[in-house]
Amino acid sequence: TNMPDRAAELLAIPDMFAFIGFYGSATTAALLPTLIQHQIPDIAPLTGSSSFRRQFNPYTIHLRAGYDDESLTMLNFLISEKVVGRIALLYQNDTFGAPAKEGIVSALEE
């Protein structure tokens, strides 16, 4: 099923007031325009992508940290506790994974 079409069906339900826990960046990206148009909150989307955090959206309520914040926290722990001698960086090479890479590279350059 096409997610925006399914969301439109759900929005037709009387007293529909919020969507909770969409899974993944692609799903959230597909549905966000429809939710904003209908002024329906998107509560706790299961994505840490910074693409949903760069610009304030009053209809999205995040309950988790962004991928870039998570990555920096892990890096800071590894460096401060001297847990390992070397660090490898693996990331998803797209618009959703690049912010984590950018945050790590930026922190390492400081």
Foldseek 3Di string as FASTA:
>chain_A
DQLCVVVVVVVPDPPQAAAEAAEDDVSCVSHVVVCLVVVHAYEAHRAQFCVCVPDDDPRYHHPDHHLLVVLVVVVVCCVVVVVDDDDDDDFDPDNRTVSNVVSVVVVVVD
